[in-house]
């Protein structure tokens, strides 16, 4: 093999491997929390698939515990989800007093606010993909 042919071969191989690596890079899901009360100490973020029992507590696909450091706005990145369709619900843990801690459901994806009854997965679903990798949750 001539030196010029070898260089072209190596450059071509590098180009193919680079394109493959870029194509297979998955973006993290970015969850932005807005307008949290300053008394929020911890957020528990529950992620549900369509096959899970949304929105039952404890019947989620994955749960994440996030320390807020009393911030009213924060972002959290999730790296261990595959692209797909999900719904999210979050609970805030409030510091009521030294001896008493309260946890309550305070938000759903798609800014869904139940008027009566329990929301359905379809009400709160979002698409996580290469093009759509951010959701905003607020109280």
N, C-alpha and C. Protein backbone atom coordinates (compact mmCIF):
# COMPACT_ATOMS: atom_id res chain seq x y z
N UNK A 1 0.85 -1.17 0.00
CA UNK A 1 0.00 0.00 0.00
C UNK A 1 0.90 1.24 0.00
N UNK A 2 0.60 2.16 -0.88
CA UNK A 2 1.38 3.40 -0.94
C UNK A 2 1.08 4.26 0.28
N UNK A 3 2.02 5.09 0.58
CA UNK A 3 1.88 5.97 1.75
C UNK A 3 0.64 6.88 1.61
N UNK A 4 0.39 7.42 0.45
CA UNK A 4 -0.77 8.30 0.24
C UNK A 4 -2.07 7.52 0.43
N UNK A 5 -2.12 6.27 -0.07
CA UNK A 5 -3.32 5.45 0.11
C UNK A 5 -3.54 5.13 1.59
N UNK A 6 -2.48 4.88 2.30
CA UNK A 6 -2.56 4.59 3.72
C UNK A 6 -3.12 5.79 4.49
N UNK A 7 -2.63 6.99 4.17
CA UNK A 7 -3.09 8.22 4.84
C UNK A 7 -4.57 8.45 4.56
N UNK A 8 -5.00 8.25 3.32
CA UNK A 8 -6.41 8.41 2.97
C UNK A 8 -7.26 7.39 3.72
N UNK A 9 -6.78 6.17 3.82
CA UNK A 9 -7.50 5.12 4.54
C UNK A 9 -7.65 5.47 6.02
N UNK A 10 -6.58 5.91 6.66
CA UNK A 10 -6.61 6.25 8.08
C UNK A 10 -7.52 7.45 8.32
N UNK A 11 -7.44 8.47 7.49
CA UNK A 11 -8.30 9.64 7.63
C UNK A 11 -9.77 9.26 7.44
N UNK A 12 -10.05 8.43 6.48
CA UNK A 12 -11.43 7.96 6.26
C UNK A 12 -11.95 7.19 7.47
N UNK A 13 -11.13 6.32 8.02
CA UNK A 13 -11.52 5.55 9.20
C UNK A 13 -11.79 6.47 10.39
N UNK A 14 -10.94 7.47 10.57
CA UNK A 14 -11.14 8.43 11.66
C UNK A 14 -12.44 9.19 11.48
N UNK A 15 -12.75 9.58 10.27
CA UNK A 15 -13.98 10.30 9.98
C UNK A 15 -15.20 9.45 10.29
N UNK A 16 -15.17 8.19 9.92
CA UNK A 16 -16.28 7.28 10.18
C UNK A 16 -16.46 7.07 11.69
N UNK A 17 -15.38 6.84 12.41
CA UNK A 17 -15.46 6.62 13.85
C UNK A 17 -15.94 7.87 14.58
N UNK A 18 -15.52 9.05 14.15
CA UNK A 18 -15.97 10.30 14.76
C UNK A 18 -17.46 10.49 14.53
N UNK A 19 -17.93 10.25 13.31
CA UNK A 19 -19.36 10.39 13.01
C UNK A 19 -20.18 9.41 13.85
N UNK A 20 -19.70 8.19 14.03
CA UNK A 20 -20.40 7.20 14.83
C UNK A 20 -20.48 7.63 16.29
N UNK A 21 -19.37 8.16 16.82
CA UNK A 21 -19.34 8.59 18.22
C UNK A 21 -20.27 9.76 18.46
N UNK A 22 -20.31 10.72 17.55
CA UNK A 22 -21.19 11.88 17.70
C UNK A 22 -22.64 11.47 17.61
N UNK A 23 -22.96 10.57 16.70
CA UNK A 23 -24.34 10.12 16.52
C UNK A 23 -24.87 9.41 17.75
N UNK A 24 -24.03 8.69 18.47
CA UNK A 24 -24.46 7.89 19.60
C UNK A 24 -24.31 8.60 20.95
N UNK A 25 -24.07 9.91 20.94
CA UNK A 25 -23.98 10.66 22.17
C UNK A 25 -25.39 11.06 22.60
N UNK A 26 -25.80 10.61 23.77
CA UNK A 26 -27.14 10.89 24.27
C UNK A 26 -27.09 12.10 25.19
N UNK A 27 -28.05 13.00 25.01
CA UNK A 27 -28.15 14.18 25.86
C UNK A 27 -28.84 13.80 27.17
N UNK A 28 -28.38 14.40 28.27
CA UNK A 28 -29.03 14.21 29.56
C UNK A 28 -30.39 14.90 29.56
N UNK A 29 -31.31 14.40 30.37
CA UNK A 29 -32.58 15.08 30.59
C UNK A 29 -32.32 16.18 31.63
N UNK A 30 -32.67 17.40 31.28
CA UNK A 30 -32.49 18.53 32.20
C UNK A 30 -33.85 18.87 32.79
N UNK A 31 -33.94 18.81 34.11
CA UNK A 31 -35.17 19.14 34.81
C UNK A 31 -34.94 20.46 35.53
N UNK A 32 -35.72 21.48 35.16
CA UNK A 32 -35.61 22.79 35.80
C UNK A 32 -36.79 22.98 36.74
N UNK A 33 -36.49 23.29 37.98
CA UNK A 33 -37.51 23.57 38.99
C UNK A 33 -37.60 25.08 39.15
N UNK A 34 -38.81 25.62 39.11
CA UNK A 34 -39.02 27.06 39.21
C UNK A 34 -39.96 27.38 40.35
N UNK A 35 -39.75 28.53 40.97
CA UNK A 35 -40.64 29.07 42.00
C UNK A 35 -40.84 28.15 43.20
N UNK A 36 -39.78 27.54 43.66
CA UNK A 36 -39.88 26.69 44.86
C UNK A 36 -39.89 27.57 46.10
N UNK A 37 -40.66 27.20 47.13
CA UNK A 37 -40.60 27.95 48.38
C UNK A 37 -39.21 27.83 49.01
N UNK A 38 -38.78 28.87 49.67
CA UNK A 38 -37.46 28.85 50.30
C UNK A 38 -37.37 27.82 51.41
N UNK A 39 -38.52 27.34 51.89
CA UNK A 39 -38.52 26.34 52.97
C UNK A 39 -38.31 24.92 52.45
N UNK A 40 -38.25 24.75 51.12
CA UNK A 40 -38.02 23.42 50.54
C UNK A 40 -36.60 22.98 50.82
N UNK A 41 -36.43 21.81 51.40
CA UNK A 41 -35.10 21.29 51.71
C UNK A 41 -34.68 20.21 50.72
N UNK A 42 -35.62 19.35 50.36
CA UNK A 42 -35.33 18.21 49.48
C UNK A 42 -36.49 18.06 48.50
N UNK A 43 -36.16 17.70 47.27
CA UNK A 43 -37.17 17.35 46.28
C UNK A 43 -37.00 15.87 45.95
N UNK A 44 -38.10 15.18 45.87
CA UNK A 44 -38.09 13.80 45.38
C UNK A 44 -38.82 13.84 44.03
N UNK A 45 -38.08 13.50 43.00
CA UNK A 45 -38.61 13.52 41.63
C UNK A 45 -38.89 12.09 41.18
N UNK A 46 -40.16 11.80 40.91
CA UNK A 46 -40.57 10.46 40.45
C UNK A 46 -40.80 10.50 38.95
N UNK A 47 -40.18 9.57 38.24
CA UNK A 47 -40.34 9.44 36.80
C UNK A 47 -41.12 8.16 36.51
N UNK A 48 -42.15 8.29 35.68
CA UNK A 48 -43.03 7.17 35.34
C UNK A 48 -42.99 6.91 33.84
N UNK A 49 -43.07 5.63 33.47
CA UNK A 49 -43.31 5.23 32.09
C UNK A 49 -44.80 4.98 31.95
N UNK A 50 -45.25 4.82 30.73
CA UNK A 50 -46.68 4.57 30.51
C UNK A 50 -47.13 3.28 31.20
N UNK A 51 -46.23 2.31 31.32
CA UNK A 51 -46.57 1.01 31.92
C UNK A 51 -46.57 1.04 33.45
N UNK A 52 -46.08 2.12 34.05
CA UNK A 52 -46.07 2.24 35.51
C UNK A 52 -47.42 2.76 36.00
N UNK A 53 -47.63 2.73 37.30
CA UNK A 53 -48.92 3.13 37.88
C UNK A 53 -48.90 4.60 38.27
N UNK A 54 -48.84 5.45 37.26
CA UNK A 54 -48.84 6.90 37.47
C UNK A 54 -50.19 7.31 38.03
N UNK A 55 -50.23 8.19 39.02
CA UNK A 55 -49.17 8.84 39.78
C UNK A 55 -49.01 8.26 41.18
N UNK A 56 -49.19 6.97 41.34
CA UNK A 56 -49.12 6.38 42.68
C UNK A 56 -47.71 6.46 43.25
N UNK A 57 -47.63 6.92 44.47
CA UNK A 57 -46.35 7.01 45.17
C UNK A 57 -45.81 5.61 45.39
N UNK A 58 -44.55 5.41 45.05
CA UNK A 58 -43.93 4.10 45.22
C UNK A 58 -44.10 3.19 44.00
N UNK A 59 -44.88 3.60 43.00
CA UNK A 59 -45.11 2.78 41.80
C UNK A 59 -44.44 3.39 40.58
N UNK A 60 -43.42 4.18 40.80
CA UNK A 60 -42.70 4.90 39.75
C UNK A 60 -41.63 4.00 39.11
N UNK A 61 -41.07 4.48 38.01
CA UNK A 61 -39.97 3.81 37.32
C UNK A 61 -38.65 4.13 38.00
N UNK A 62 -38.42 5.42 38.26
CA UNK A 62 -37.19 5.86 38.93
C UNK A 62 -37.52 7.02 39.86
N UNK A 63 -36.73 7.14 40.91
CA UNK A 63 -36.90 8.24 41.86
C UNK A 63 -35.53 8.88 42.08
N UNK A 64 -35.53 10.20 42.17
CA UNK A 64 -34.30 10.96 42.38
C UNK A 64 -34.51 11.87 43.59
N UNK A 65 -33.51 11.95 44.45
CA UNK A 65 -33.55 12.82 45.61
C UNK A 65 -32.59 13.96 45.37
N UNK A 66 -33.12 15.19 45.46
CA UNK A 66 -32.35 16.37 45.09
C UNK A 66 -32.35 17.35 46.26
N UNK A 67 -31.16 17.72 46.73
CA UNK A 67 -31.04 18.74 47.77
C UNK A 67 -31.17 20.12 47.13
N UNK A 68 -31.99 20.98 47.71
CA UNK A 68 -32.24 22.29 47.10
C UNK A 68 -31.36 23.40 47.66
N UNK A 69 -30.82 23.23 48.84
CA UNK A 69 -30.04 24.29 49.50
C UNK A 69 -30.84 25.59 49.58
N UNK A 70 -32.16 25.46 49.76
CA UNK A 70 -33.08 26.60 49.89
C UNK A 70 -33.13 27.48 48.65
N UNK A 71 -32.74 26.95 47.50
CA UNK A 71 -32.83 27.71 46.25
C UNK A 71 -34.28 27.66 45.75
N UNK A 72 -34.74 28.75 45.17
CA UNK A 72 -36.10 28.77 44.64
C UNK A 72 -36.14 28.32 43.18
N UNK A 73 -35.01 28.34 42.49
CA UNK A 73 -34.88 27.84 41.11
C UNK A 73 -33.62 26.99 41.04
N UNK A 74 -33.72 25.82 40.43
CA UNK A 74 -32.54 24.99 40.26
C UNK A 74 -32.74 24.04 39.09
N UNK A 75 -31.64 23.53 38.57
CA UNK A 75 -31.66 22.55 37.49
C UNK A 75 -30.98 21.28 37.95
N UNK A 76 -31.47 20.16 37.44
CA UNK A 76 -30.94 18.84 37.79
C UNK A 76 -30.83 18.03 36.51
N UNK A 77 -29.70 17.38 36.29
CA UNK A 77 -29.50 16.57 35.09
C UNK A 77 -29.62 15.09 35.41
N UNK A 78 -30.36 14.39 34.55
CA UNK A 78 -30.54 12.94 34.69
C UNK A 78 -29.85 12.26 33.52
N UNK A 79 -28.90 11.39 33.83
CA UNK A 79 -28.11 10.74 32.78
C UNK A 79 -28.51 9.29 32.53
N UNK A 80 -29.32 8.70 33.42
CA UNK A 80 -29.57 7.27 33.32
C UNK A 80 -30.93 6.90 32.71
N UNK A 81 -31.58 7.81 32.00
CA UNK A 81 -32.84 7.49 31.31
C UNK A 81 -32.58 7.32 29.82
N UNK A 82 -33.29 6.41 29.21
CA UNK A 82 -33.25 6.26 27.76
C UNK A 82 -34.27 7.23 27.17
N UNK A 83 -34.07 7.61 25.92
CA UNK A 83 -35.07 8.45 25.26
C UNK A 83 -36.41 7.73 25.26
N UNK A 84 -37.49 8.47 25.42
CA UNK A 84 -38.81 7.87 25.43
C UNK A 84 -39.86 8.82 25.99
N UNK A 85 -41.01 8.26 26.26
CA UNK A 85 -42.15 9.01 26.77
C UNK A 85 -42.28 8.77 28.27
N UNK A 86 -42.36 9.84 29.04
CA UNK A 86 -42.42 9.75 30.49
C UNK A 86 -43.41 10.76 31.05
N UNK A 87 -43.72 10.62 32.32
CA UNK A 87 -44.45 11.63 33.10
C UNK A 87 -43.67 11.80 34.39
N UNK A 88 -43.75 13.01 34.96
CA UNK A 88 -43.00 13.29 36.19
C UNK A 88 -43.92 13.89 37.25
N UNK A 89 -43.62 13.56 38.48
CA UNK A 89 -44.30 14.13 39.64
C UNK A 89 -43.22 14.41 40.68
N UNK A 90 -43.34 15.53 41.38
CA UNK A 90 -42.33 15.78 42.40
C UNK A 90 -42.97 16.13 43.73
N UNK A 91 -42.22 15.78 44.77
CA UNK A 91 -42.62 16.03 46.15
C UNK A 91 -41.59 16.95 46.76
N UNK A 92 -42.06 17.89 47.54
CA UNK A 92 -41.14 18.76 48.27
C UNK A 92 -41.16 18.37 49.74
N UNK A 93 -39.99 18.35 50.32
CA UNK A 93 -39.89 18.10 51.75
C UNK A 93 -39.62 19.44 52.42
N UNK A 94 -40.54 19.83 53.29
CA UNK A 94 -40.45 21.12 53.97
C UNK A 94 -39.93 20.93 55.38
N UNK A 95 -39.20 21.90 55.84
CA UNK A 95 -38.71 21.93 57.21
C UNK A 95 -39.69 22.78 58.01
N UNK A 96 -40.71 22.16 58.60
CA UNK A 96 -41.71 22.91 59.36
C UNK A 96 -41.15 23.36 60.71
N UNK A 97 -40.46 22.47 61.36
CA UNK A 97 -39.81 22.79 62.62
C UNK A 97 -38.69 21.78 62.81
N UNK A 98 -37.99 21.90 63.88
CA UNK A 98 -36.87 20.97 64.11
C UNK A 98 -37.37 19.54 64.25
N UNK A 99 -38.53 19.35 64.87
CA UNK A 99 -39.02 18.01 65.16
C UNK A 99 -39.97 17.47 64.08
N UNK A 100 -40.50 18.32 63.22
CA UNK A 100 -41.53 17.88 62.28
C UNK A 100 -41.11 18.14 60.83
N UNK A 101 -41.20 17.12 59.99
CA UNK A 101 -40.90 17.26 58.57
C UNK A 101 -42.12 16.80 57.79
N UNK A 102 -42.50 17.57 56.80
CA UNK A 102 -43.68 17.26 55.99
C UNK A 102 -43.26 17.05 54.54
N UNK A 103 -43.89 16.08 53.87
CA UNK A 103 -43.62 15.85 52.45
C UNK A 103 -44.96 15.80 51.73
N UNK A 104 -45.09 16.55 50.65
CA UNK A 104 -46.34 16.54 49.91
C UNK A 104 -46.09 16.66 48.41
N UNK A 105 -47.01 16.12 47.63
CA UNK A 105 -46.94 16.22 46.18
C UNK A 105 -47.22 17.66 45.79
N UNK A 106 -46.37 18.22 44.94
CA UNK A 106 -46.57 19.62 44.60
C UNK A 106 -46.52 19.92 43.12
N UNK A 107 -46.22 18.98 42.27
CA UNK A 107 -46.17 19.32 40.86
C UNK A 107 -46.09 18.13 39.94
N UNK A 108 -46.55 18.36 38.72
CA UNK A 108 -46.53 17.35 37.66
C UNK A 108 -45.90 17.94 36.41
N UNK A 109 -45.43 17.08 35.53
CA UNK A 109 -44.91 17.56 34.25
C UNK A 109 -46.06 18.14 33.42
N UNK A 110 -45.71 18.92 32.44
CA UNK A 110 -46.66 19.64 31.57
C UNK A 110 -47.46 20.68 32.34
N UNK A 111 -46.97 21.10 33.49
CA UNK A 111 -47.64 22.11 34.33
C UNK A 111 -49.09 21.72 34.63
N UNK A 112 -49.32 20.42 34.72
CA UNK A 112 -50.69 19.95 34.94
C UNK A 112 -51.12 20.24 36.37
N UNK A 113 -52.29 20.80 36.50
CA UNK A 113 -52.89 21.09 37.81
C UNK A 113 -54.23 20.37 37.86
N UNK A 114 -54.34 19.29 38.63
CA UNK A 114 -55.61 18.57 38.70
C UNK A 114 -56.72 19.44 39.28
N UNK A 115 -57.83 19.48 38.59
CA UNK A 115 -59.00 20.21 39.08
C UNK A 115 -59.79 19.35 40.06
N UNK A 116 -59.92 18.09 39.71
CA UNK A 116 -60.60 17.13 40.59
C UNK A 116 -60.07 15.74 40.25
N UNK A 117 -59.78 14.98 41.24
CA UNK A 117 -59.31 13.62 41.02
C UNK A 117 -57.83 13.53 40.71
N UNK A 118 -57.44 12.37 40.25
CA UNK A 118 -56.05 12.04 40.00
C UNK A 118 -55.74 12.22 38.51
N UNK A 119 -54.61 12.84 38.17
CA UNK A 119 -54.28 13.01 36.75
C UNK A 119 -53.94 11.67 36.09
N UNK A 120 -54.13 11.63 34.80
CA UNK A 120 -53.76 10.46 33.99
C UNK A 120 -52.36 10.67 33.42
N UNK A 121 -51.73 9.59 33.03
CA UNK A 121 -50.41 9.66 32.39
C UNK A 121 -50.45 10.61 31.19
N UNK A 122 -51.50 10.50 30.38
CA UNK A 122 -51.64 11.31 29.16
C UNK A 122 -51.67 12.81 29.47
N UNK A 123 -52.17 13.19 30.63
CA UNK A 123 -52.23 14.61 31.02
C UNK A 123 -50.85 15.19 31.28
N UNK A 124 -49.93 14.35 31.71
CA UNK A 124 -48.63 14.83 32.18
C UNK A 124 -47.44 14.33 31.36
N UNK A 125 -47.69 13.58 30.32
CA UNK A 125 -46.58 12.96 29.58
C UNK A 125 -45.74 14.01 28.86
N UNK A 126 -44.46 13.67 28.70
CA UNK A 126 -43.53 14.48 27.92
C UNK A 126 -42.62 13.55 27.14
N UNK A 127 -42.09 14.05 26.05
CA UNK A 127 -41.19 13.28 25.19
C UNK A 127 -39.76 13.69 25.51
N UNK A 128 -38.93 12.71 25.86
CA UNK A 128 -37.51 12.94 26.09
C UNK A 128 -36.78 12.39 24.88
N UNK A 129 -36.11 13.27 24.13
CA UNK A 129 -35.42 12.86 22.91
C UNK A 129 -34.20 13.76 22.71
N UNK A 130 -33.49 13.53 21.63
CA UNK A 130 -32.33 14.35 21.31
C UNK A 130 -32.76 15.81 21.12
N UNK A 131 -33.95 16.02 20.54
CA UNK A 131 -34.43 17.38 20.29
C UNK A 131 -35.15 17.97 21.50
N UNK A 132 -35.76 17.14 22.32
CA UNK A 132 -36.52 17.58 23.49
C UNK A 132 -35.92 16.97 24.75
N UNK A 133 -35.00 17.70 25.38
CA UNK A 133 -34.33 17.11 26.55
C UNK A 133 -34.43 18.00 27.79
N UNK A 134 -35.41 18.91 27.83
CA UNK A 134 -35.59 19.77 28.99
C UNK A 134 -37.07 19.80 29.38
N UNK A 135 -37.33 19.68 30.67
CA UNK A 135 -38.67 19.90 31.19
C UNK A 135 -38.59 20.92 32.32
N UNK A 136 -39.67 21.66 32.50
CA UNK A 136 -39.74 22.65 33.57
C UNK A 136 -40.87 22.26 34.52
N UNK A 137 -40.54 22.19 35.79
CA UNK A 137 -41.52 21.86 36.83
C UNK A 137 -41.61 23.04 37.79
N UNK A 138 -42.81 23.40 38.15
CA UNK A 138 -42.97 24.49 39.10
C UNK A 138 -44.09 24.15 40.07
N UNK A 139 -44.06 24.82 41.20
CA UNK A 139 -45.07 24.55 42.23
C UNK A 139 -46.40 25.09 41.80
